[in-house]
Amino acid sequence: GGIDPLLWLQHKIESDNETILTRKQDIRVCVTHGDLHSGNLLVDQDDVAWVIDFERSGEGHILQDFVELETDLVIRLASHVQDVAEFYNLCLVIIRPDEIRKFRPSEISSSQNPEYLKVLHTISHLRSLAKKSTGVTDARQYLIGMLFNAIFRATLTSRDFRNTAQARALMLASIICHRLDHWEMPWPPDKW
């Protein structure tokens, strides 16, 4: 049994304890694209990348575009690869680091699936770029953004829980909740 991400968020927001969700001093805002995902990135015949669809541009968390793009990569890939155990292992790898950084080679090599390896390499570069361009190093901020984005993506898909994208988005969100609750402990837990 995983954690229900919506109930987890409700509990964190309603509790009197100060959490990373309630510390406003940690939030840095900038102009963001607001809807950065693979469907809004185009590459032309000369390998020039173009970003489209700026209707949701405006103020947002400084990590928002990085988080949206990474979550999109993970959830879209999950829709095409049916191995739940492999997706679970991918989730454990991407939420393990306690700082925003490029993955270590040993972290990336933990997957045998060539599609997941591509995604891990892409995420690794994306996180390196996020750290370099924002100066934010605390991975909790990144994971909170992924949590909100995964929940949002789960609501965009069919209400049929057999929908792979929705199920994987909720699985990712649930694992992130557990990671945030056990931040100071070794990850993943031995019992897993």
N, C-alpha and C. Protein backbone atom coordinates (compact mmCIF):
# COMPACT_ATOMS: atom_id res chain seq x y z
N GLY A 1 0.81 -1.18 0.00
CA GLY A 1 0.00 0.00 0.00
C GLY A 1 0.85 1.24 0.00
N GLY A 2 0.65 2.05 -1.02
CA GLY A 2 1.35 3.32 -1.09
C GLY A 2 0.61 4.42 -0.37
N ILE A 3 1.23 5.57 -0.33
CA ILE A 3 0.66 6.75 0.29
C ILE A 3 -0.26 7.44 -0.71
N ASP A 4 -1.42 7.88 -0.27
CA ASP A 4 -2.31 8.67 -1.12
C ASP A 4 -1.74 10.09 -1.15
N PRO A 5 -1.24 10.55 -2.30
CA PRO A 5 -0.57 11.86 -2.36
C PRO A 5 -1.48 13.03 -1.96
N LEU A 6 -2.75 12.98 -2.30
CA LEU A 6 -3.65 14.08 -1.95
C LEU A 6 -3.89 14.15 -0.44
N LEU A 7 -4.08 13.00 0.19
CA LEU A 7 -4.25 12.99 1.64
C LEU A 7 -2.96 13.41 2.35
N TRP A 8 -1.83 13.00 1.80
CA TRP A 8 -0.53 13.38 2.36
C TRP A 8 -0.37 14.90 2.32
N LEU A 9 -0.67 15.50 1.16
CA LEU A 9 -0.57 16.96 1.03
C LEU A 9 -1.52 17.66 2.00
N GLN A 10 -2.74 17.19 2.09
CA GLN A 10 -3.72 17.80 2.98
C GLN A 10 -3.20 17.77 4.42
N HIS A 11 -2.67 16.63 4.84
CA HIS A 11 -2.14 16.49 6.19
C HIS A 11 -0.97 17.46 6.42
N LYS A 12 -0.07 17.56 5.46
CA LYS A 12 1.10 18.44 5.61
C LYS A 12 0.67 19.91 5.69
N ILE A 13 -0.28 20.30 4.90
CA ILE A 13 -0.73 21.69 4.88
C ILE A 13 -1.50 22.03 6.15
N GLU A 14 -2.30 21.10 6.66
CA GLU A 14 -3.12 21.35 7.84
C GLU A 14 -2.35 21.22 9.16
N SER A 15 -1.20 20.55 9.14
CA SER A 15 -0.46 20.36 10.39
C SER A 15 0.14 21.68 10.85
N ASP A 16 0.36 21.79 12.13
CA ASP A 16 0.94 23.00 12.69
C ASP A 16 2.46 23.03 12.55
N ASN A 17 3.03 21.91 12.18
CA ASN A 17 4.48 21.83 12.07
C ASN A 17 4.97 22.56 10.83
N GLU A 18 6.11 23.23 10.96
CA GLU A 18 6.70 23.87 9.79
C GLU A 18 7.34 22.78 8.94
N THR A 19 6.97 22.76 7.67
CA THR A 19 7.55 21.80 6.74
C THR A 19 8.07 22.55 5.54
N ILE A 20 8.75 21.87 4.67
CA ILE A 20 9.25 22.50 3.46
C ILE A 20 8.10 23.03 2.60
N LEU A 21 6.91 22.47 2.79
CA LEU A 21 5.75 22.95 2.04
C LEU A 21 5.28 24.32 2.53
N THR A 22 5.61 24.68 3.76
CA THR A 22 5.10 25.92 4.33
C THR A 22 6.17 27.00 4.50
N ARG A 23 7.41 26.70 4.23
CA ARG A 23 8.49 27.68 4.40
C ARG A 23 8.58 28.57 3.17
N LYS A 24 7.99 29.72 3.23
CA LYS A 24 7.94 30.62 2.08
C LYS A 24 9.29 31.22 1.76
N GLN A 25 10.18 31.33 2.73
CA GLN A 25 11.48 31.94 2.47
C GLN A 25 12.31 31.10 1.50
N ASP A 26 11.98 29.84 1.33
CA ASP A 26 12.74 28.97 0.42
C ASP A 26 12.31 29.12 -1.05
N ILE A 27 11.20 29.79 -1.28
CA ILE A 27 10.64 29.85 -2.63
C ILE A 27 11.24 31.00 -3.42
N ARG A 28 11.80 30.65 -4.58
CA ARG A 28 12.33 31.66 -5.49
C ARG A 28 11.47 31.64 -6.74
N VAL A 29 11.06 32.82 -7.17
CA VAL A 29 10.14 32.97 -8.29
C VAL A 29 10.87 33.62 -9.46
N CYS A 30 10.50 33.21 -10.67
CA CYS A 30 11.04 33.81 -11.89
C CYS A 30 9.97 33.68 -12.98
N VAL A 31 10.27 34.16 -14.16
CA VAL A 31 9.36 33.97 -15.29
C VAL A 31 9.59 32.56 -15.83
N THR A 32 8.51 31.81 -15.94
CA THR A 32 8.61 30.44 -16.43
C THR A 32 7.75 30.26 -17.68
N HIS A 33 8.04 29.23 -18.43
CA HIS A 33 7.22 28.88 -19.59
C HIS A 33 5.82 28.48 -19.11
N GLY A 34 5.78 27.69 -18.06
CA GLY A 34 4.52 27.32 -17.44
C GLY A 34 3.87 26.06 -17.98
N ASP A 35 4.34 25.54 -19.08
CA ASP A 35 3.76 24.33 -19.67
C ASP A 35 4.82 23.60 -20.49
N LEU A 36 6.01 23.48 -19.92
CA LEU A 36 7.12 22.89 -20.67
C LEU A 36 7.05 21.37 -20.59
N HIS A 37 6.76 20.77 -21.73
CA HIS A 37 6.75 19.31 -21.85
C HIS A 37 7.14 18.98 -23.28
N SER A 38 7.31 17.70 -23.56
CA SER A 38 7.83 17.29 -24.87
C SER A 38 6.92 17.71 -26.02
N GLY A 39 5.63 17.86 -25.78
CA GLY A 39 4.72 18.30 -26.83
C GLY A 39 4.92 19.76 -27.23
N ASN A 40 5.58 20.53 -26.37
CA ASN A 40 5.84 21.93 -26.66
C ASN A 40 7.28 22.20 -27.05
N LEU A 41 8.01 21.14 -27.35
CA LEU A 41 9.38 21.26 -27.85
C LEU A 41 9.44 20.64 -29.24
N LEU A 42 9.92 21.40 -30.18
CA LEU A 42 10.03 20.93 -31.56
C LEU A 42 11.49 21.02 -32.00
N VAL A 43 11.90 20.10 -32.84
CA VAL A 43 13.25 20.13 -33.42
C VAL A 43 13.07 20.10 -34.93
N ASP A 44 13.69 21.09 -35.61
CA ASP A 44 13.52 21.16 -37.06
C ASP A 44 14.57 20.32 -37.78
N GLN A 45 14.54 20.34 -39.11
CA GLN A 45 15.44 19.51 -39.92
C GLN A 45 16.92 19.88 -39.73
N ASP A 46 17.19 21.07 -39.19
CA ASP A 46 18.57 21.48 -38.92
C ASP A 46 18.98 21.23 -37.47
N ASP A 47 18.19 20.43 -36.75
CA ASP A 47 18.42 20.12 -35.34
C ASP A 47 18.40 21.35 -34.43
N VAL A 48 17.61 22.35 -34.82
CA VAL A 48 17.40 23.52 -33.98
C VAL A 48 16.13 23.28 -33.17
N ALA A 49 16.25 23.45 -31.86
CA ALA A 49 15.10 23.23 -30.97
C ALA A 49 14.28 24.50 -30.85
N TRP A 50 12.97 24.32 -30.86
CA TRP A 50 12.03 25.43 -30.74
C TRP A 50 11.06 25.13 -29.61
N VAL A 51 10.74 26.15 -28.83
CA VAL A 51 9.75 26.02 -27.76
C VAL A 51 8.51 26.77 -28.22
N ILE A 52 7.35 26.14 -28.06
CA ILE A 52 6.08 26.76 -28.47
C ILE A 52 5.12 26.82 -27.29
N ASP A 53 3.98 27.47 -27.50
CA ASP A 53 2.86 27.50 -26.56
C ASP A 53 3.21 28.23 -25.26
N PHE A 54 3.25 29.54 -25.35
CA PHE A 54 3.62 30.37 -24.21
C PHE A 54 2.41 30.94 -23.47
N GLU A 55 1.22 30.39 -23.68
CA GLU A 55 0.03 30.99 -23.08
C GLU A 55 0.01 30.91 -21.56
N ARG A 56 0.75 30.01 -20.96
CA ARG A 56 0.79 29.90 -19.49
C ARG A 56 2.07 30.50 -18.90
N SER A 57 2.81 31.25 -19.69
CA SER A 57 4.03 31.89 -19.19
C SER A 57 3.69 32.92 -18.13
N GLY A 58 4.58 33.06 -17.17
CA GLY A 58 4.39 34.04 -16.11
C GLY A 58 5.24 33.67 -14.91
N GLU A 59 4.90 34.24 -13.77
CA GLU A 59 5.65 33.95 -12.55
C GLU A 59 5.42 32.51 -12.11
N GLY A 60 6.51 31.89 -11.70
CA GLY A 60 6.43 30.53 -11.19
C GLY A 60 7.68 30.20 -10.41
N HIS A 61 7.66 29.08 -9.73
CA HIS A 61 8.84 28.63 -8.98
C HIS A 61 10.00 28.49 -9.96
N ILE A 62 11.17 28.87 -9.53
CA ILE A 62 12.34 28.87 -10.40
C ILE A 62 12.66 27.49 -11.00
N LEU A 63 12.23 26.43 -10.35
CA LEU A 63 12.47 25.07 -10.85
C LEU A 63 11.31 24.52 -11.68
N GLN A 64 10.23 25.27 -11.83
CA GLN A 64 9.00 24.76 -12.44
C GLN A 64 9.21 24.13 -13.81
N ASP A 65 9.88 24.82 -14.71
CA ASP A 65 10.04 24.28 -16.06
C ASP A 65 10.88 23.01 -16.08
N PHE A 66 11.91 22.95 -15.25
CA PHE A 66 12.73 21.74 -15.17
C PHE A 66 11.91 20.56 -14.65
N VAL A 67 11.15 20.81 -13.60
CA VAL A 67 10.31 19.78 -12.99
C VAL A 67 9.25 19.28 -13.98
N GLU A 68 8.59 20.22 -14.68
CA GLU A 68 7.56 19.82 -15.64
C GLU A 68 8.14 18.94 -16.75
N LEU A 69 9.29 19.33 -17.26
CA LEU A 69 9.90 18.56 -18.34
C LEU A 69 10.33 17.18 -17.85
N GLU A 70 10.91 17.10 -16.67
CA GLU A 70 11.33 15.80 -16.15
C GLU A 70 10.14 14.89 -15.87
N THR A 71 9.12 15.43 -15.24
CA THR A 71 7.94 14.61 -14.95
C THR A 71 7.30 14.12 -16.23
N ASP A 72 7.25 14.97 -17.25
CA ASP A 72 6.70 14.57 -18.54
C ASP A 72 7.50 13.41 -19.13
N LEU A 73 8.82 13.50 -19.07
CA LEU A 73 9.67 12.42 -19.59
C LEU A 73 9.36 11.10 -18.89
N VAL A 74 9.28 11.14 -17.58
CA VAL A 74 9.07 9.93 -16.80
C VAL A 74 7.68 9.34 -17.06
N ILE A 75 6.66 10.17 -17.03
CA ILE A 75 5.29 9.67 -17.19
C ILE A 75 5.02 9.21 -18.62
N ARG A 76 5.50 9.93 -19.61
CA ARG A 76 5.30 9.50 -21.00
C ARG A 76 6.02 8.19 -21.28
N LEU A 77 7.23 8.04 -20.76
CA LEU A 77 7.97 6.79 -20.94
C LEU A 77 7.22 5.65 -20.27
N ALA A 78 6.70 5.93 -19.10
CA ALA A 78 5.99 4.90 -18.35
C ALA A 78 4.78 4.39 -19.11
N SER A 79 4.20 5.22 -19.94
CA SER A 79 3.04 4.79 -20.72
C SER A 79 3.42 3.77 -21.79
N HIS A 80 4.69 3.76 -22.18
CA HIS A 80 5.13 2.88 -23.27
C HIS A 80 5.83 1.62 -22.78
N VAL A 81 6.38 1.66 -21.59
CA VAL A 81 7.08 0.52 -21.04
C VAL A 81 6.20 -0.09 -19.95
N GLN A 82 5.83 -1.32 -20.13
CA GLN A 82 4.82 -1.94 -19.27
C GLN A 82 5.37 -2.58 -18.00
N ASP A 83 6.67 -2.67 -17.84
CA ASP A 83 7.26 -3.34 -16.69
C ASP A 83 7.16 -2.45 -15.45
N VAL A 84 6.25 -2.78 -14.54
CA VAL A 84 6.01 -1.97 -13.34
C VAL A 84 7.25 -1.96 -12.44
N ALA A 85 7.93 -3.10 -12.31
CA ALA A 85 9.12 -3.17 -11.46
C ALA A 85 10.21 -2.25 -11.98
N GLU A 86 10.37 -2.20 -13.29
CA GLU A 86 11.39 -1.33 -13.88
C GLU A 86 11.03 0.14 -13.64
N PHE A 87 9.75 0.49 -13.77
CA PHE A 87 9.32 1.86 -13.49
C PHE A 87 9.54 2.21 -12.02
N TYR A 88 9.22 1.30 -11.13
CA TYR A 88 9.44 1.49 -9.70
C TYR A 88 10.92 1.77 -9.43
N ASN A 89 11.81 0.98 -10.02
CA ASN A 89 13.25 1.20 -9.85
C ASN A 89 13.69 2.54 -10.40
N LEU A 90 13.11 2.95 -11.53
CA LEU A 90 13.41 4.27 -12.09
C LEU A 90 13.02 5.35 -11.08
N CYS A 91 11.84 5.23 -10.49
CA CYS A 91 11.39 6.20 -9.48
C CYS A 91 12.37 6.28 -8.32
N LEU A 92 12.82 5.13 -7.84
CA LEU A 92 13.77 5.12 -6.73
C LEU A 92 15.06 5.84 -7.08
N VAL A 93 15.52 5.68 -8.31
CA VAL A 93 16.76 6.33 -8.74
C VAL A 93 16.58 7.84 -8.83
N ILE A 94 15.50 8.29 -9.44
CA ILE A 94 15.37 9.73 -9.68
C ILE A 94 15.04 10.52 -8.41
N ILE A 95 14.49 9.86 -7.40
CA ILE A 95 14.19 10.63 -6.18
C ILE A 95 15.19 10.38 -5.06
N ARG A 96 16.22 9.62 -5.31
CA ARG A 96 17.22 9.30 -4.29
C ARG A 96 18.12 10.49 -3.91
N PRO A 97 18.68 11.24 -4.83
CA PRO A 97 19.65 12.28 -4.43
C PRO A 97 19.04 13.33 -3.50
N ASP A 98 19.83 13.77 -2.52
CA ASP A 98 19.34 14.79 -1.60
C ASP A 98 19.72 16.19 -2.07
N GLU A 99 20.41 16.27 -3.19
CA GLU A 99 20.71 17.57 -3.78
C GLU A 99 20.48 17.48 -5.29
N ILE A 100 20.23 18.63 -5.88
CA ILE A 100 20.04 18.68 -7.33
C ILE A 100 21.42 18.58 -7.95
N ARG A 101 21.63 17.55 -8.72
CA ARG A 101 22.94 17.30 -9.33
C ARG A 101 22.80 16.30 -10.47
N LYS A 102 23.88 16.16 -11.20
CA LYS A 102 23.95 15.13 -12.22
C LYS A 102 24.05 13.77 -11.53
N PHE A 103 23.43 12.76 -12.10
CA PHE A 103 23.51 11.43 -11.51
C PHE A 103 24.92 10.87 -11.62
N ARG A 104 25.27 10.05 -10.66
CA ARG A 104 26.55 9.33 -10.72
C ARG A 104 26.40 8.17 -11.70
N PRO A 105 27.48 7.76 -12.36
CA PRO A 105 27.37 6.63 -13.30
C PRO A 105 26.76 5.38 -12.67
N SER A 106 27.07 5.12 -11.41
CA SER A 106 26.52 3.93 -10.75
C SER A 106 25.00 4.03 -10.60
N GLU A 107 24.46 5.23 -10.47
CA GLU A 107 23.01 5.40 -10.34
C GLU A 107 22.32 5.14 -11.68
N ILE A 108 22.94 5.60 -12.74
CA ILE A 108 22.35 5.43 -14.07
C ILE A 108 22.44 3.98 -14.52
N SER A 109 23.54 3.33 -14.22
CA SER A 109 23.74 1.96 -14.71
C SER A 109 22.86 0.94 -14.00
N SER A 110 22.08 1.39 -13.01
CA SER A 110 21.23 0.44 -12.29
C SER A 110 20.07 -0.07 -13.15
N SER A 111 19.79 0.59 -14.26
CA SER A 111 18.71 0.16 -15.14
C SER A 111 19.26 -0.61 -16.34
N GLN A 112 18.54 -1.64 -16.73
CA GLN A 112 18.94 -2.43 -17.90
C GLN A 112 18.11 -2.07 -19.13
N ASN A 113 17.03 -1.35 -18.94
CA ASN A 113 16.14 -0.98 -20.03
C ASN A 113 16.74 0.19 -20.82
N PRO A 114 16.98 0.03 -22.12
CA PRO A 114 17.61 1.10 -22.91
C PRO A 114 16.80 2.40 -22.93
N GLU A 115 15.47 2.29 -22.90
CA GLU A 115 14.64 3.50 -22.88
C GLU A 115 14.81 4.23 -21.55
N TYR A 116 14.85 3.49 -20.47
CA TYR A 116 15.03 4.11 -19.16
C TYR A 116 16.43 4.71 -19.04
N LEU A 117 17.42 4.04 -19.61
CA LEU A 117 18.78 4.60 -19.59
C LEU A 117 18.82 5.95 -20.29
N LYS A 118 18.13 6.07 -21.44
CA LYS A 118 18.07 7.36 -22.13
C LYS A 118 17.41 8.42 -21.26
N VAL A 119 16.33 8.04 -20.62
CA VAL A 119 15.62 8.98 -19.76
C VAL A 119 16.51 9.39 -18.58
N LEU A 120 17.20 8.45 -17.97
CA LEU A 120 18.08 8.77 -16.85
C LEU A 120 19.20 9.72 -17.27
N HIS A 121 19.79 9.49 -18.43
CA HIS A 121 20.83 10.39 -18.93
C HIS A 121 20.25 11.78 -19.18
N THR A 122 19.06 11.84 -19.77
CA THR A 122 18.43 13.13 -20.05
C THR A 122 18.12 13.86 -18.75
N ILE A 123 17.54 13.16 -17.78
CA ILE A 123 17.22 13.77 -16.49
C ILE A 123 18.50 14.24 -15.80
N SER A 124 19.55 13.46 -15.89
CA SER A 124 20.82 13.84 -15.29
C SER A 124 21.31 15.17 -15.83
N HIS A 125 21.26 15.34 -17.14
CA HIS A 125 21.68 16.60 -17.76
C HIS A 125 20.72 17.73 -17.41
N LEU A 126 19.44 17.43 -17.37
CA LEU A 126 18.43 18.42 -17.03
C LEU A 126 18.66 18.94 -15.60
N ARG A 127 18.94 18.06 -14.69
CA ARG A 127 19.18 18.48 -13.30
C ARG A 127 20.48 19.28 -13.18
N SER A 128 21.48 18.88 -13.93
CA SER A 128 22.72 19.64 -13.92
C SER A 128 22.47 21.07 -14.41
N LEU A 129 21.67 21.18 -15.46
CA LEU A 129 21.31 22.50 -15.99
C LEU A 129 20.47 23.28 -14.99
N ALA A 130 19.55 22.61 -14.30
CA ALA A 130 18.71 23.27 -13.29
C ALA A 130 19.58 23.85 -12.18
N LYS A 131 20.52 23.07 -11.70
CA LYS A 131 21.40 23.54 -10.63
C LYS A 131 22.25 24.72 -11.10
N LYS A 132 22.79 24.59 -12.29
CA LYS A 132 23.67 25.63 -12.83
C LYS A 132 22.91 26.93 -13.08
N SER A 133 21.70 26.84 -13.61
CA SER A 133 20.98 28.06 -13.99
C SER A 133 20.17 28.68 -12.86
N THR A 134 19.83 27.89 -11.81
CA THR A 134 19.02 28.45 -10.73
C THR A 134 19.80 28.64 -9.43
N GLY A 135 20.86 27.87 -9.25
CA GLY A 135 21.60 27.92 -8.00
C GLY A 135 20.93 27.15 -6.87
N VAL A 136 19.77 26.55 -7.13
CA VAL A 136 19.06 25.77 -6.11
C VAL A 136 19.70 24.39 -6.04
N THR A 137 20.01 23.96 -4.83
CA THR A 137 20.63 22.64 -4.68
C THR A 137 19.78 21.66 -3.87
N ASP A 138 18.80 22.15 -3.11
CA ASP A 138 17.98 21.30 -2.25
C ASP A 138 17.00 20.49 -3.09
N ALA A 139 17.20 19.20 -3.14
CA ALA A 139 16.36 18.33 -3.97
C ALA A 139 14.92 18.25 -3.45
N ARG A 140 14.69 18.61 -2.19
CA ARG A 140 13.32 18.58 -1.68
C ARG A 140 12.44 19.54 -2.46
N GLN A 141 12.95 20.72 -2.79
CA GLN A 141 12.16 21.66 -3.58
C GLN A 141 11.82 21.06 -4.94
N TYR A 142 12.78 20.39 -5.53
CA TYR A 142 12.57 19.75 -6.83
C TYR A 142 11.51 18.66 -6.72
N LEU A 143 11.62 17.83 -5.67
CA LEU A 143 10.68 16.72 -5.49
C LEU A 143 9.27 17.22 -5.18
N ILE A 144 9.15 18.29 -4.44
CA ILE A 144 7.82 18.86 -4.19
C ILE A 144 7.20 19.31 -5.50
N GLY A 145 7.99 19.94 -6.35
CA GLY A 145 7.50 20.33 -7.68
C GLY A 145 7.07 19.11 -8.48
N MET A 146 7.88 18.04 -8.45
CA MET A 146 7.51 16.81 -9.16
C MET A 146 6.23 16.20 -8.59
N LEU A 147 6.08 16.27 -7.27
CA LEU A 147 4.88 15.75 -6.62
C LEU A 147 3.63 16.46 -7.16
N PHE A 148 3.66 17.79 -7.14
CA PHE A 148 2.51 18.55 -7.64
C PHE A 148 2.27 18.27 -9.12
N ASN A 149 3.35 18.18 -9.88
CA ASN A 149 3.20 17.94 -11.32
C ASN A 149 2.68 16.54 -11.60
N ALA A 150 3.13 15.55 -10.84
CA ALA A 150 2.63 14.17 -11.03
C ALA A 150 1.15 14.08 -10.69
N ILE A 151 0.74 14.75 -9.62
CA ILE A 151 -0.68 14.75 -9.27
C ILE A 151 -1.49 15.43 -10.37
N PHE A 152 -0.98 16.56 -10.86
CA PHE A 152 -1.65 17.27 -11.94
C PHE A 152 -1.79 16.38 -13.17
N ARG A 153 -0.72 15.68 -13.54
CA ARG A 153 -0.76 14.80 -14.70
C ARG A 153 -1.75 13.64 -14.50
N ALA A 154 -1.85 13.15 -13.28
CA ALA A 154 -2.80 12.07 -13.00
C ALA A 154 -4.23 12.55 -13.21
N THR A 155 -4.50 13.82 -12.95
CA THR A 155 -5.85 14.34 -13.13
C THR A 155 -6.16 14.64 -14.59
N LEU A 156 -5.14 14.78 -15.41
CA LEU A 156 -5.34 15.08 -16.83
C LEU A 156 -5.75 13.86 -17.63
N THR A 157 -5.42 12.69 -17.12
CA THR A 157 -5.66 11.47 -17.87
C THR A 157 -7.02 10.90 -17.53
N SER A 158 -7.37 9.86 -18.18
CA SER A 158 -8.64 9.17 -17.97
C SER A 158 -8.83 8.82 -16.51
N ARG A 159 -10.05 8.81 -16.05
CA ARG A 159 -10.36 8.43 -14.67
C ARG A 159 -10.27 6.92 -14.46
N ASP A 160 -10.03 6.19 -15.52
CA ASP A 160 -9.88 4.74 -15.45
C ASP A 160 -8.50 4.43 -14.89
N PHE A 161 -8.44 3.87 -13.67
CA PHE A 161 -7.15 3.64 -13.01
C PHE A 161 -6.26 2.68 -13.79
N ARG A 162 -6.86 1.92 -14.71
CA ARG A 162 -6.04 1.03 -15.53
C ARG A 162 -5.22 1.81 -16.54
N ASN A 163 -5.49 3.12 -16.66
CA ASN A 163 -4.71 3.97 -17.54
C ASN A 163 -3.27 4.01 -17.01
N THR A 164 -2.33 3.57 -17.80
CA THR A 164 -0.95 3.44 -17.35
C THR A 164 -0.35 4.77 -16.92
N ALA A 165 -0.57 5.84 -17.69
CA ALA A 165 0.02 7.13 -17.34
C ALA A 165 -0.50 7.62 -16.00
N GLN A 166 -1.78 7.48 -15.76
CA GLN A 166 -2.36 7.92 -14.49
C GLN A 166 -1.82 7.08 -13.33
N ALA A 167 -1.80 5.79 -13.50
CA ALA A 167 -1.32 4.90 -12.44
C ALA A 167 0.15 5.17 -12.12
N ARG A 168 0.96 5.38 -13.14
CA ARG A 168 2.39 5.64 -12.92
C ARG A 168 2.60 7.02 -12.30
N ALA A 169 1.80 8.01 -12.69
CA ALA A 169 1.92 9.34 -12.09
C ALA A 169 1.60 9.26 -10.59
N LEU A 170 0.57 8.51 -10.24
CA LEU A 170 0.21 8.36 -8.83
C LEU A 170 1.26 7.55 -8.07
N MET A 171 1.83 6.56 -8.73
CA MET A 171 2.89 5.76 -8.10
C MET A 171 4.10 6.65 -7.81
N LEU A 172 4.50 7.47 -8.79
CA LEU A 172 5.62 8.39 -8.60
C LEU A 172 5.32 9.34 -7.45
N ALA A 173 4.11 9.92 -7.43
CA ALA A 173 3.74 10.86 -6.37
C ALA A 173 3.78 10.20 -5.00
N SER A 174 3.30 8.98 -4.90
CA SER A 174 3.29 8.25 -3.63
C SER A 174 4.71 8.00 -3.13
N ILE A 175 5.60 7.61 -4.02
CA ILE A 175 6.99 7.35 -3.63
C ILE A 175 7.67 8.65 -3.20
N ILE A 176 7.37 9.75 -3.88
CA ILE A 176 7.94 11.05 -3.49
C ILE A 176 7.47 11.43 -2.09
N CYS A 177 6.19 11.22 -1.77
CA CYS A 177 5.67 11.51 -0.43
C CYS A 177 6.47 10.75 0.62
N HIS A 178 6.70 9.48 0.36
CA HIS A 178 7.45 8.65 1.31
C HIS A 178 8.88 9.18 1.46
N ARG A 179 9.50 9.53 0.36
CA ARG A 179 10.88 10.05 0.40
C ARG A 179 10.95 11.34 1.22
N LEU A 180 9.99 12.24 1.00
CA LEU A 180 9.99 13.50 1.74
C LEU A 180 9.76 13.28 3.24
N ASP A 181 8.94 12.31 3.59
CA ASP A 181 8.68 12.00 5.00
C ASP A 181 9.88 11.36 5.69
N HIS A 182 10.75 10.73 4.92
CA HIS A 182 11.89 10.00 5.48
C HIS A 182 13.21 10.56 4.94
N TRP A 183 13.29 11.87 4.85
CA TRP A 183 14.41 12.54 4.20
C TRP A 183 15.76 12.20 4.82
N GLU A 184 15.82 12.15 6.12
CA GLU A 184 17.10 11.95 6.81
C GLU A 184 17.51 10.48 6.89
N MET A 185 16.68 9.59 6.43
CA MET A 185 16.96 8.16 6.51
C MET A 185 17.57 7.65 5.21
N PRO A 186 18.27 6.52 5.25
CA PRO A 186 18.82 5.94 4.02
C PRO A 186 17.70 5.65 3.01
N TRP A 187 17.99 5.88 1.75
CA TRP A 187 16.98 5.70 0.71
C TRP A 187 17.50 4.76 -0.35
N PRO A 188 16.71 3.85 -0.86
CA PRO A 188 15.39 3.48 -0.39
C PRO A 188 15.47 2.68 0.90
N PRO A 189 14.36 2.60 1.65
CA PRO A 189 14.37 1.83 2.90
C PRO A 189 14.75 0.36 2.64
N ASP A 190 15.45 -0.22 3.59
CA ASP A 190 15.86 -1.62 3.46
C ASP A 190 14.68 -2.56 3.25
N LYS A 191 13.56 -2.28 3.91
CA LYS A 191 12.41 -3.18 3.81
C LYS A 191 11.79 -3.18 2.42
N TRP A 192 12.13 -2.21 1.58
CA TRP A 192 11.59 -2.17 0.24
C TRP A 192 12.35 -3.14 -0.63
